[in-house]
Amino acid sequence: MNHNRPETLEHAPLGRESAYPEHYDAGLLYPIPRAANRAPLGIEEGRLPFVGEDEWHAFEVSWLNGRGKPLVAVARFRLPAESPNLIESKSWKLYLNSFNQTRFDNREQVIETLERDLAQAAGTPVAVELFDVDDAVLAVCRLPGECLDELDIEIDDYTPSAEHLEAGEEIVEETLYSHLLKSNCPVTGQPDWGSVLIRYRGPKLDREGLLRYLIGYRQHQDFHEHCVEHIFTDLMARAKPERLLVLARYVRRGGLDISPWRATPGERPPEPLRLARQ
C-alpha cells in the first residue's frame, strides 16, 4: 500500500474477513483522510478550530527478541489532530499483530519502527511509548468533575441535535462528564461505548440539555475522532465558551482503545487517565 495516498473506506479491512499476519508488514496500515468528515462541520484543513490528539492504547503488543523469546508490552500512541489522516482501527490491529513473529534487537528498535510506519500513514509524526504490563502508569483512574448520569430526564431522541444545548448568562468554570456516550461504527454498525468529559469556562450549560445531547449519539454512526469533533464544534457554536476541552475515553475493542480530545489552544486533558472499562 502507498501510505502517501490516503484511502477511503471502500477497501478498508474493517468489516471484512482477514488473515492475521505472521510477519512484519507496514503495508497493512490503512490511512483515511479526515477532511471528508470534517467538511460537514465547517472545519477546513489548515484552519482547525481546536488542538488535540487521538490517544490509543494497544494491549496486544508482542515481538521476539534476538534469541526468539517473546516479549510483551502495552503501547500508547498519540496521533495529532492536525494530521491529514487517521488510521483505520482494524488495519492498526493487523499491523501490530505482524510484529508477533518478528525479531527485533531491542525495544528501541520496536519503537523506531512503530514511529516510522505510523508517521508515514498519518502524514505527521506519531508519539510512541511502550510500557511493561505491570507499569504503574497504566493504573485505572476516575474522571474528575461532576457526573451527569443521575439526572432524571425523559429521552425520545437518539440522534445528535445541537438544539438541546442551551447556556445561561452566568459565567462558570466547571468539569462535567457522562458514561452514557455510545455511537456506532460507520462500517460494521457495531456499538462503540465510551465516557465523555467536558471542561469549560463560559456561559453555564443547561445540564439536562447537555445530557440529552450526548445521549443523542446513541444511534449515530461515525468514527470516535469525528464524534468528539462534532461535540466540540456544537458546543463552541451554541455556548461560545472562552475555553473548552472535550475528551472521550472509548471502551477497548479488539485490544485497542482510543481516547480523542479536542480543545481550545492552551487546554490539555488531565493525565494520566485510563478508565476501568478500558
C-alpha atoms as a PDB file:
ATOM      1  CA  MET A   1       0.000   0.000   0.000  1.00  0.00           C
ATOM      2  CA  ASN A   2       1.166   3.502  -0.762  1.00  0.00           C
ATOM      3  CA  HIS A   3       0.958   5.391   2.560  1.00  0.00           C
ATOM      4  CA  ASN A   4       1.274   8.699   0.708  1.00  0.00           C
ATOM      5  CA  ARG A   5      -2.119   8.089  -0.914  1.00  0.00           C
ATOM      6  CA  PRO A   6      -4.914   8.237   1.696  1.00  0.00           C
ATOM      7  CA  GLU A   7      -7.562   5.569   1.290  1.00  0.00           C
ATOM      8  CA  THR A   8     -11.345   5.575   1.546  1.00  0.00           C
ATOM      9  CA  LEU A   9     -13.475   3.070   3.444  1.00  0.00           C
ATOM     10  CA  GLU A  10     -14.316   1.200   0.255  1.00  0.00           C
ATOM     11  CA  HIS A  11     -11.312  -1.098   0.553  1.00  0.00           C
ATOM     12  CA  ALA A  12     -10.713  -0.884   4.306  1.00  0.00           C
ATOM     13  CA  PRO A  13     -10.159  -4.173   6.178  1.00  0.00           C
ATOM     14  CA  LEU A  14     -12.798  -3.215   8.747  1.00  0.00           C
ATOM     15  CA  GLY A  15     -15.865  -5.431   8.370  1.00  0.00           C
ATOM     16  CA  ARG A  16     -14.026  -7.936   6.161  1.00  0.00           C
ATOM     17  CA  GLU A  17     -12.638 -11.364   6.959  1.00  0.00           C
ATOM     18  CA  SER A  18      -8.891 -11.011   7.427  1.00  0.00           C
ATOM     19  CA  ALA A  19      -5.993 -13.433   7.737  1.00  0.00           C
ATOM     20  CA  TYR A  20      -3.772 -12.449  10.630  1.00  0.00           C
ATOM     21  CA  PRO A  21      -0.197 -11.799   9.501  1.00  0.00           C
ATOM     22  CA  GLU A  22       2.723 -13.799  10.861  1.00  0.00           C
ATOM     23  CA  HIS A  23       5.497 -11.396   9.895  1.00  0.00           C
ATOM     24  CA  TYR A  24       6.047  -7.656   9.974  1.00  0.00           C
ATOM     25  CA  ASP A  25       4.184  -5.734   7.266  1.00  0.00           C
ATOM     26  CA  ALA A  26       3.942  -1.924   7.344  1.00  0.00           C
ATOM     27  CA  GLY A  27       1.667  -2.035   4.311  1.00  0.00           C
ATOM     28  CA  LEU A  28      -1.208  -3.256   6.477  1.00  0.00           C
ATOM     29  CA  LEU A  29      -1.800   0.256   7.854  1.00  0.00           C
ATOM     30  CA  TYR A  30      -4.817   1.887   6.185  1.00  0.00           C
ATOM     31  CA  PRO A  31      -4.948   5.722   6.280  1.00  0.00           C
ATOM     32  CA  ILE A  32      -8.275   7.542   5.920  1.00  0.00           C
ATOM     33  CA  PRO A  33      -8.429  11.292   5.164  1.00  0.00           C
ATOM     34  CA  ARG A  34     -10.026  13.366   7.927  1.00  0.00           C
ATOM     35  CA  ALA A  35     -11.200  16.090   5.544  1.00  0.00           C
ATOM     36  CA  ALA A  36     -14.344  14.369   4.252  1.00  0.00           C
ATOM     37  CA  ASN A  37     -15.868  14.009   7.732  1.00  0.00           C
ATOM     38  CA  ARG A  38     -14.767  17.466   8.821  1.00  0.00           C
ATOM     39  CA  ALA A  39     -16.279  19.322   5.879  1.00  0.00           C
ATOM     40  CA  PRO A  40     -19.922  18.909   7.053  1.00  0.00           C
ATOM     41  CA  LEU A  41     -18.906  20.511  10.382  1.00  0.00           C
ATOM     42  CA  GLY A  42     -17.435  23.514   8.579  1.00  0.00           C
ATOM     43  CA  ILE A  43     -13.882  22.540   9.531  1.00  0.00           C
ATOM     44  CA  GLU A  44     -11.248  23.459   6.949  1.00  0.00           C
ATOM     45  CA  GLU A  45      -7.925  21.681   6.738  1.00  0.00           C
ATOM     46  CA  GLY A  46      -5.149  24.014   7.816  1.00  0.00           C
ATOM     47  CA  ARG A  47      -7.626  26.127   9.827  1.00  0.00           C
ATOM     48  CA  LEU A  48      -8.657  23.769  12.625  1.00  0.00           C
ATOM     49  CA  PRO A  49     -10.769  25.395  15.366  1.00  0.00           C
ATOM     50  CA  PHE A  50      -9.118  23.198  18.006  1.00  0.00           C
ATOM     51  CA  VAL A  51      -5.955  21.494  19.142  1.00  0.00           C
ATOM     52  CA  GLY A  52      -5.922  17.880  20.185  1.00  0.00           C
ATOM     53  CA  GLU A  53      -4.771  14.301  19.859  1.00  0.00           C
ATOM     54  CA  ASP A  54      -6.113  10.818  19.308  1.00  0.00           C
ATOM     55  CA  GLU A  55      -4.622   8.728  22.095  1.00  0.00           C
ATOM     56  CA  TRP A  56      -4.587   4.978  21.515  1.00  0.00           C
ATOM     57  CA  HIS A  57      -3.650   2.177  23.894  1.00  0.00           C
ATOM     58  CA  ALA A  58      -2.788  -1.245  22.459  1.00  0.00           C
ATOM     59  CA  PHE A  59      -2.907  -4.199  24.848  1.00  0.00           C
ATOM     60  CA  GLU A  60      -1.890  -6.909  22.385  1.00  0.00           C
ATOM     61  CA  VAL A  61       1.689  -5.903  21.534  1.00  0.00           C
ATOM     62  CA  SER A  62       4.314  -8.624  21.283  1.00  0.00           C
ATOM     63  CA  TRP A  63       7.513  -9.360  19.358  1.00  0.00           C
ATOM     64  CA  LEU A  64      10.521 -11.686  19.516  1.00  0.00           C
ATOM     65  CA  ASN A  65      13.912 -10.660  20.858  1.00  0.00           C
ATOM     66  CA  GLY A  66      17.144 -11.543  19.052  1.00  0.00           C
ATOM     67  CA  ARG A  67      17.091 -15.074  20.514  1.00  0.00           C
ATOM     68  CA  GLY A  68      13.471 -15.712  19.550  1.00  0.00           C
ATOM     69  CA  LYS A  69      11.966 -15.202  23.011  1.00  0.00           C
ATOM     70  CA  PRO A  70       8.557 -13.452  23.009  1.00  0.00           C
ATOM     71  CA  LEU A  71       8.249 -10.112  24.775  1.00  0.00           C
ATOM     72  CA  VAL A  72       5.001  -8.266  25.564  1.00  0.00           C
ATOM     73  CA  ALA A  73       4.143  -4.643  26.274  1.00  0.00           C
ATOM     74  CA  VAL A  74       1.310  -2.136  26.344  1.00  0.00           C
ATOM     75  CA  ALA A  75       1.699   0.653  23.789  1.00  0.00           C
ATOM     76  CA  ARG A  76       0.467   4.225  23.900  1.00  0.00           C
ATOM     77  CA  PHE A  77       0.214   6.178  20.646  1.00  0.00           C
ATOM     78  CA  ARG A  78      -0.556   9.891  20.298  1.00  0.00           C
ATOM     79  CA  LEU A  79      -1.741  10.923  16.855  1.00  0.00           C
ATOM     80  CA  PRO A  80      -2.032  14.735  16.419  1.00  0.00           C
ATOM     81  CA  ALA A  81      -5.439  16.103  15.435  1.00  0.00           C
ATOM     82  CA  GLU A  82      -3.790  18.150  12.674  1.00  0.00           C
ATOM     83  CA  SER A  83      -2.606  15.009  10.871  1.00  0.00           C
ATOM     84  CA  PRO A  84      -4.236  14.747   7.414  1.00  0.00           C
ATOM     85  CA  ASN A  85      -5.162  11.111   8.018  1.00  0.00           C
ATOM     86  CA  LEU A  86      -6.478   8.937  10.787  1.00  0.00           C
ATOM     87  CA  ILE A  87      -5.606   5.226  10.709  1.00  0.00           C
ATOM     88  CA  GLU A  88      -8.401   2.660  10.434  1.00  0.00           C
ATOM     89  CA  SER A  89      -8.515   0.618  13.647  1.00  0.00           C
ATOM     90  CA  LYS A  90      -8.595  -2.930  12.270  1.00  0.00           C
ATOM     91  CA  SER A  91      -5.658  -2.211   9.980  1.00  0.00           C
ATOM     92  CA  TRP A  92      -3.790  -0.910  13.042  1.00  0.00           C
ATOM     93  CA  LYS A  93      -4.525  -4.154  14.907  1.00  0.00           C
ATOM     94  CA  LEU A  94      -3.417  -6.297  11.949  1.00  0.00           C
ATOM     95  CA  TYR A  95      -0.242  -4.237  11.667  1.00  0.00           C
ATOM     96  CA  LEU A  96       0.584  -4.686  15.365  1.00  0.00           C
ATOM     97  CA  ASN A  97      -0.021  -8.428  15.088  1.00  0.00           C
ATOM     98  CA  SER A  98       2.514  -8.556  12.264  1.00  0.00           C
ATOM     99  CA  PHE A  99       5.165  -7.980  14.954  1.00  0.00           C
ATOM    100  CA  ASN A 100       4.290 -11.223  16.777  1.00  0.00           C
ATOM    101  CA  GLN A 101       6.777 -13.495  14.991  1.00  0.00           C
ATOM    102  CA  THR A 102       9.282 -10.800  14.026  1.00  0.00           C
ATOM    103  CA  ARG A 103      12.672 -10.463  15.726  1.00  0.00           C
ATOM    104  CA  PHE A 104      13.923  -7.099  16.951  1.00  0.00           C
ATOM    105  CA  ASP A 105      17.294  -6.385  18.558  1.00  0.00           C
ATOM    106  CA  ASN A 106      15.814  -4.302  21.377  1.00  0.00           C
ATOM    107  CA  ARG A 107      12.787  -2.280  22.494  1.00  0.00           C
ATOM    108  CA  GLU A 108      14.166   0.895  20.955  1.00  0.00           C
ATOM    109  CA  GLN A 109      14.114  -0.738  17.530  1.00  0.00           C
ATOM    110  CA  VAL A 110      10.455  -1.631  18.021  1.00  0.00           C
ATOM    111  CA  ILE A 111       9.623   1.980  18.945  1.00  0.00           C
ATOM    112  CA  GLU A 112      11.583   3.371  15.997  1.00  0.00           C
ATOM    113  CA  THR A 113       9.766   1.025  13.612  1.00  0.00           C
ATOM    114  CA  LEU A 114       6.365   1.980  15.005  1.00  0.00           C
ATOM    115  CA  GLU A 115       7.141   5.706  14.851  1.00  0.00           C
ATOM    116  CA  ARG A 116       8.325   5.494  11.255  1.00  0.00           C
ATOM    117  CA  ASP A 117       5.410   3.443   9.919  1.00  0.00           C
ATOM    118  CA  LEU A 118       2.671   5.305  11.785  1.00  0.00           C
ATOM    119  CA  ALA A 119       4.063   8.708  10.779  1.00  0.00           C
ATOM    120  CA  GLN A 120       4.077   7.647   7.140  1.00  0.00           C
ATOM    121  CA  ALA A 121       0.448   6.522   7.326  1.00  0.00           C
ATOM    122  CA  ALA A 122      -0.805   9.502   9.349  1.00  0.00           C
ATOM    123  CA  GLY A 123       1.164  12.107   7.421  1.00  0.00           C
ATOM    124  CA  THR A 124       2.694  13.553  10.590  1.00  0.00           C
ATOM    125  CA  PRO A 125       4.917  12.338  13.474  1.00  0.00           C
ATOM    126  CA  VAL A 126       3.193   9.988  15.936  1.00  0.00           C
ATOM    127  CA  ALA A 127       4.454   9.655  19.533  1.00  0.00           C
ATOM    128  CA  VAL A 128       5.014   6.060  20.687  1.00  0.00           C
ATOM    129  CA  GLU A 129       5.570   4.741  24.227  1.00  0.00           C
ATOM    130  CA  LEU A 130       5.912   1.127  25.387  1.00  0.00           C
ATOM    131  CA  PHE A 131       5.087   0.132  28.972  1.00  0.00           C
ATOM    132  CA  ASP A 132       5.594  -3.047  30.937  1.00  0.00           C
ATOM    133  CA  VAL A 133       2.319  -4.812  31.683  1.00  0.00           C
ATOM    134  CA  ASP A 134       2.673  -4.075  35.428  1.00  0.00           C
ATOM    135  CA  ASP A 135       3.709  -0.450  34.940  1.00  0.00           C
ATOM    136  CA  ALA A 136       2.002   1.908  37.399  1.00  0.00           C
ATOM    137  CA  VAL A 137       1.264   4.398  34.606  1.00  0.00           C
ATOM    138  CA  LEU A 138      -1.464   2.018  33.424  1.00  0.00           C
ATOM    139  CA  ALA A 139      -3.380   2.194  36.706  1.00  0.00           C
ATOM    140  CA  VAL A 140      -7.131   2.787  36.459  1.00  0.00           C
ATOM    141  CA  CYS A 141      -8.400   6.279  37.316  1.00  0.00           C
ATOM    142  CA  ARG A 142     -11.745   8.078  37.616  1.00  0.00           C
ATOM    143  CA  LEU A 143     -12.863  11.060  35.611  1.00  0.00           C
ATOM    144  CA  PRO A 144     -12.665  14.358  37.508  1.00  0.00           C
ATOM    145  CA  GLY A 145     -15.674  16.656  37.834  1.00  0.00           C
ATOM    146  CA  GLU A 146     -19.409  16.082  38.257  1.00  0.00           C
ATOM    147  CA  CYS A 147     -21.268  13.190  36.658  1.00  0.00           C
ATOM    148  CA  LEU A 148     -24.472  13.960  34.731  1.00  0.00           C
ATOM    149  CA  ASP A 149     -25.786  10.398  34.660  1.00  0.00           C
ATOM    150  CA  GLU A 150     -28.065  10.614  37.715  1.00  0.00           C
ATOM    151  CA  LEU A 151     -30.222  13.338  36.132  1.00  0.00           C
ATOM    152  CA  ASP A 152     -33.788  12.013  35.839  1.00  0.00           C
ATOM    153  CA  ILE A 153     -34.681  13.052  32.300  1.00  0.00           C
ATOM    154  CA  GLU A 154     -37.006  11.750  29.613  1.00  0.00           C
ATOM    155  CA  ILE A 155     -35.405  10.839  26.279  1.00  0.00           C
ATOM    156  CA  ASP A 156     -37.124  10.277  22.935  1.00  0.00           C
ATOM    157  CA  ASP A 157     -34.427  11.462  20.514  1.00  0.00           C
ATOM    158  CA  TYR A 158     -31.374   9.318  19.801  1.00  0.00           C
ATOM    159  CA  THR A 159     -29.733  11.429  17.118  1.00  0.00           C
ATOM    160  CA  PRO A 160     -27.356  14.295  17.999  1.00  0.00           C
ATOM    161  CA  SER A 161     -29.179  17.622  17.970  1.00  0.00           C
ATOM    162  CA  ALA A 162     -27.415  20.831  18.941  1.00  0.00           C
ATOM    163  CA  GLU A 163     -30.846  22.292  19.743  1.00  0.00           C
ATOM    164  CA  HIS A 164     -30.581  20.582  23.131  1.00  0.00           C
ATOM    165  CA  LEU A 165     -27.550  22.699  24.049  1.00  0.00           C
ATOM    166  CA  GLU A 166     -28.533  25.822  25.977  1.00  0.00           C
ATOM    167  CA  ALA A 167     -26.456  28.195  28.083  1.00  0.00           C
ATOM    168  CA  GLY A 168     -27.414  30.939  30.531  1.00  0.00           C
ATOM    169  CA  GLU A 169     -25.794  34.250  31.344  1.00  0.00           C
ATOM    170  CA  GLU A 170     -23.835  33.138  34.420  1.00  0.00           C
ATOM    171  CA  ILE A 171     -20.131  32.579  33.667  1.00  0.00           C
ATOM    172  CA  VAL A 172     -18.778  29.416  35.277  1.00  0.00           C
ATOM    173  CA  GLU A 173     -15.745  27.162  35.154  1.00  0.00           C
ATOM    174  CA  GLU A 174     -16.650  23.509  35.602  1.00  0.00           C
ATOM    175  CA  THR A 175     -15.936  19.934  34.555  1.00  0.00           C
ATOM    176  CA  LEU A 176     -18.806  17.597  33.672  1.00  0.00           C
ATOM    177  CA  TYR A 177     -18.807  14.015  32.458  1.00  0.00           C
ATOM    178  CA  SER A 178     -21.044  11.145  31.417  1.00  0.00           C
ATOM    179  CA  HIS A 179     -20.551   7.408  30.940  1.00  0.00           C
ATOM    180  CA  LEU A 180     -23.590   7.229  28.631  1.00  0.00           C
ATOM    181  CA  LEU A 181     -21.760   8.007  25.404  1.00  0.00           C
ATOM    182  CA  LYS A 182     -22.431   5.439  22.684  1.00  0.00           C
ATOM    183  CA  SER A 183     -22.028   5.654  18.932  1.00  0.00           C
ATOM    184  CA  ASN A 184     -21.812   3.053  16.186  1.00  0.00           C
ATOM    185  CA  CYS A 185     -19.048   2.074  13.792  1.00  0.00           C
ATOM    186  CA  PRO A 186     -19.786   3.629  10.375  1.00  0.00           C
ATOM    187  CA  VAL A 187     -18.689   0.434   8.609  1.00  0.00           C
ATOM    188  CA  THR A 188     -19.838  -2.534  10.711  1.00  0.00           C
ATOM    189  CA  GLY A 189     -22.564  -0.900  12.809  1.00  0.00           C
ATOM    190  CA  GLN A 190     -21.002  -2.360  15.970  1.00  0.00           C
ATOM    191  CA  PRO A 191     -21.549  -0.310  19.135  1.00  0.00           C
ATOM    192  CA  ASP A 192     -18.740   1.873  20.454  1.00  0.00           C
ATOM    193  CA  TRP A 193     -19.168   2.534  24.174  1.00  0.00           C
ATOM    194  CA  GLY A 194     -17.438   5.384  25.938  1.00  0.00           C
ATOM    195  CA  SER A 195     -17.277   8.126  28.528  1.00  0.00           C
ATOM    196  CA  VAL A 196     -17.055  11.820  27.704  1.00  0.00           C
ATOM    197  CA  LEU A 197     -15.617  14.697  29.739  1.00  0.00           C
ATOM    198  CA  ILE A 198     -16.378  18.368  29.092  1.00  0.00           C
ATOM    199  CA  ARG A 199     -14.325  21.048  30.840  1.00  0.00           C
ATOM    200  CA  TYR A 200     -15.110  24.663  30.040  1.00  0.00           C
ATOM    201  CA  ARG A 201     -15.178  28.277  31.150  1.00  0.00           C
ATOM    202  CA  GLY A 202     -18.074  30.280  29.818  1.00  0.00           C
ATOM    203  CA  PRO A 203     -21.870  30.646  29.981  1.00  0.00           C
ATOM    204  CA  LYS A 204     -23.276  27.912  32.223  1.00  0.00           C
ATOM    205  CA  LEU A 205     -24.584  24.936  30.268  1.00  0.00           C
ATOM    206  CA  ASP A 206     -28.020  23.528  30.989  1.00  0.00           C
ATOM    207  CA  ARG A 207     -27.100  20.086  32.320  1.00  0.00           C
ATOM    208  CA  GLU A 208     -30.256  18.265  31.308  1.00  0.00           C
ATOM    209  CA  GLY A 209     -29.943  19.609  27.781  1.00  0.00           C
ATOM    210  CA  LEU A 210     -26.280  18.627  27.657  1.00  0.00           C
ATOM    211  CA  LEU A 211     -27.057  15.070  28.747  1.00  0.00           C
ATOM    212  CA  ARG A 212     -29.857  14.794  26.171  1.00  0.00           C
ATOM    213  CA  TYR A 213     -27.422  15.983  23.529  1.00  0.00           C
ATOM    214  CA  LEU A 214     -24.756  13.434  24.493  1.00  0.00           C
ATOM    215  CA  ILE A 215     -27.256  10.568  24.607  1.00  0.00           C
ATOM    216  CA  GLY A 216     -28.292  11.656  21.117  1.00  0.00           C
ATOM    217  CA  TYR A 217     -25.161   9.973  19.725  1.00  0.00           C
ATOM    218  CA  ARG A 218     -26.593   6.590  20.712  1.00  0.00           C
ATOM    219  CA  GLN A 219     -27.609   5.650  17.159  1.00  0.00           C
ATOM    220  CA  HIS A 220     -25.149   7.923  15.365  1.00  0.00           C
ATOM    221  CA  GLN A 221     -22.661   6.252  13.021  1.00  0.00           C
ATOM    222  CA  ASP A 222     -19.210   7.834  12.921  1.00  0.00           C
ATOM    223  CA  PHE A 223     -15.614   7.330  13.956  1.00  0.00           C
ATOM    224  CA  HIS A 224     -14.630   8.111  17.548  1.00  0.00           C
ATOM    225  CA  GLU A 225     -12.498  11.060  16.461  1.00  0.00           C
ATOM    226  CA  HIS A 226     -15.281  12.681  14.453  1.00  0.00           C
ATOM    227  CA  CYS A 227     -17.837  12.284  17.262  1.00  0.00           C
ATOM    228  CA  VAL A 228     -15.531  14.280  19.545  1.00  0.00           C
ATOM    229  CA  GLU A 229     -15.037  16.955  16.889  1.00  0.00           C
ATOM    230  CA  HIS A 230     -18.819  17.098  16.372  1.00  0.00           C
ATOM    231  CA  ILE A 231     -19.386  17.644  20.106  1.00  0.00           C
ATOM    232  CA  PHE A 232     -16.646  20.291  20.260  1.00  0.00           C
ATOM    233  CA  THR A 233     -17.943  22.311  17.296  1.00  0.00           C
ATOM    234  CA  ASP A 234     -21.556  22.168  18.520  1.00  0.00           C
ATOM    235  CA  LEU A 235     -20.590  23.366  21.999  1.00  0.00           C
ATOM    236  CA  MET A 236     -18.486  26.198  20.599  1.00  0.00           C
ATOM    237  CA  ALA A 237     -21.292  27.299  18.285  1.00  0.00           C
ATOM    238  CA  ARG A 238     -24.125  27.082  20.820  1.00  0.00           C
ATOM    239  CA  ALA A 239     -22.484  28.075  24.139  1.00  0.00           C
ATOM    240  CA  LYS A 240     -19.482  30.109  22.933  1.00  0.00           C
ATOM    241  CA  PRO A 241     -17.224  29.242  25.898  1.00  0.00           C
ATOM    242  CA  GLU A 242     -13.930  31.060  26.444  1.00  0.00           C
ATOM    243  CA  ARG A 243     -12.168  27.743  26.986  1.00  0.00           C
ATOM    244  CA  LEU A 244     -13.275  24.226  26.151  1.00  0.00           C
ATOM    245  CA  LEU A 245     -11.959  20.674  26.354  1.00  0.00           C
ATOM    246  CA  VAL A 246     -13.889  17.659  25.045  1.00  0.00           C
ATOM    247  CA  LEU A 247     -12.349  14.284  25.852  1.00  0.00           C
ATOM    248  CA  ALA A 248     -13.808  10.838  25.100  1.00  0.00           C
ATOM    249  CA  ARG A 249     -12.471   7.596  26.565  1.00  0.00           C
ATOM    250  CA  TYR A 250     -13.825   4.742  24.451  1.00  0.00           C
ATOM    251  CA  VAL A 251     -14.039   1.139  25.644  1.00  0.00           C
ATOM    252  CA  ARG A 252     -11.389  -1.241  24.381  1.00  0.00           C
ATOM    253  CA  ARG A 253     -12.314  -3.336  21.328  1.00  0.00           C
ATOM    254  CA  GLY A 254     -10.003  -5.854  19.689  1.00  0.00           C
ATOM    255  CA  GLY A 255      -7.149  -4.994  22.053  1.00  0.00           C
ATOM    256  CA  LEU A 256      -7.277  -1.271  21.212  1.00  0.00           C
ATOM    257  CA  ASP A 257      -8.859   1.662  22.945  1.00  0.00           C
ATOM    258  CA  ILE A 258      -8.966   5.214  21.640  1.00  0.00           C
ATOM    259  CA  SER A 259      -9.328   8.461  23.528  1.00  0.00           C
ATOM    260  CA  PRO A 260      -9.587  11.523  21.269  1.00  0.00           C
ATOM    261  CA  TRP A 261      -9.571  15.006  22.742  1.00  0.00           C
ATOM    262  CA  ARG A 262     -10.130  18.413  21.162  1.00  0.00           C
ATOM    263  CA  ALA A 263      -9.665  21.740  22.909  1.00  0.00           C
ATOM    264  CA  THR A 264      -9.201  25.447  22.542  1.00  0.00           C
ATOM    265  CA  PRO A 265      -5.497  26.434  22.451  1.00  0.00           C
ATOM    266  CA  GLY A 266      -3.830  26.183  25.844  1.00  0.00           C
ATOM    267  CA  GLU A 267      -6.123  23.481  27.215  1.00  0.00           C
ATOM    268  CA  ARG A 268      -4.795  19.988  27.966  1.00  0.00           C
ATOM    269  CA  PRO A 269      -6.526  16.856  29.266  1.00  0.00           C
ATOM    270  CA  PRO A 270      -5.841  15.533  32.772  1.00  0.00           C
ATOM    271  CA  GLU A 271      -3.130  12.871  32.844  1.00  0.00           C
ATOM    272  CA  PRO A 272      -2.705  10.010  33.473  1.00  0.00           C
ATOM    273  CA  LEU A 273      -6.265   8.907  32.807  1.00  0.00           C
ATOM    274  CA  ARG A 274      -7.433   5.398  31.949  1.00  0.00           C
ATOM    275  CA  LEU A 275     -10.868   4.147  32.992  1.00  0.00           C
ATOM    276  CA  ALA A 276     -11.953   0.735  34.295  1.00  0.00           C
ATOM    277  CA  ARG A 277     -13.876  -0.041  31.086  1.00  0.00           C
ATOM    278  CA  GLN A 278     -10.747   0.473  29.034  1.00  0.00           C
END
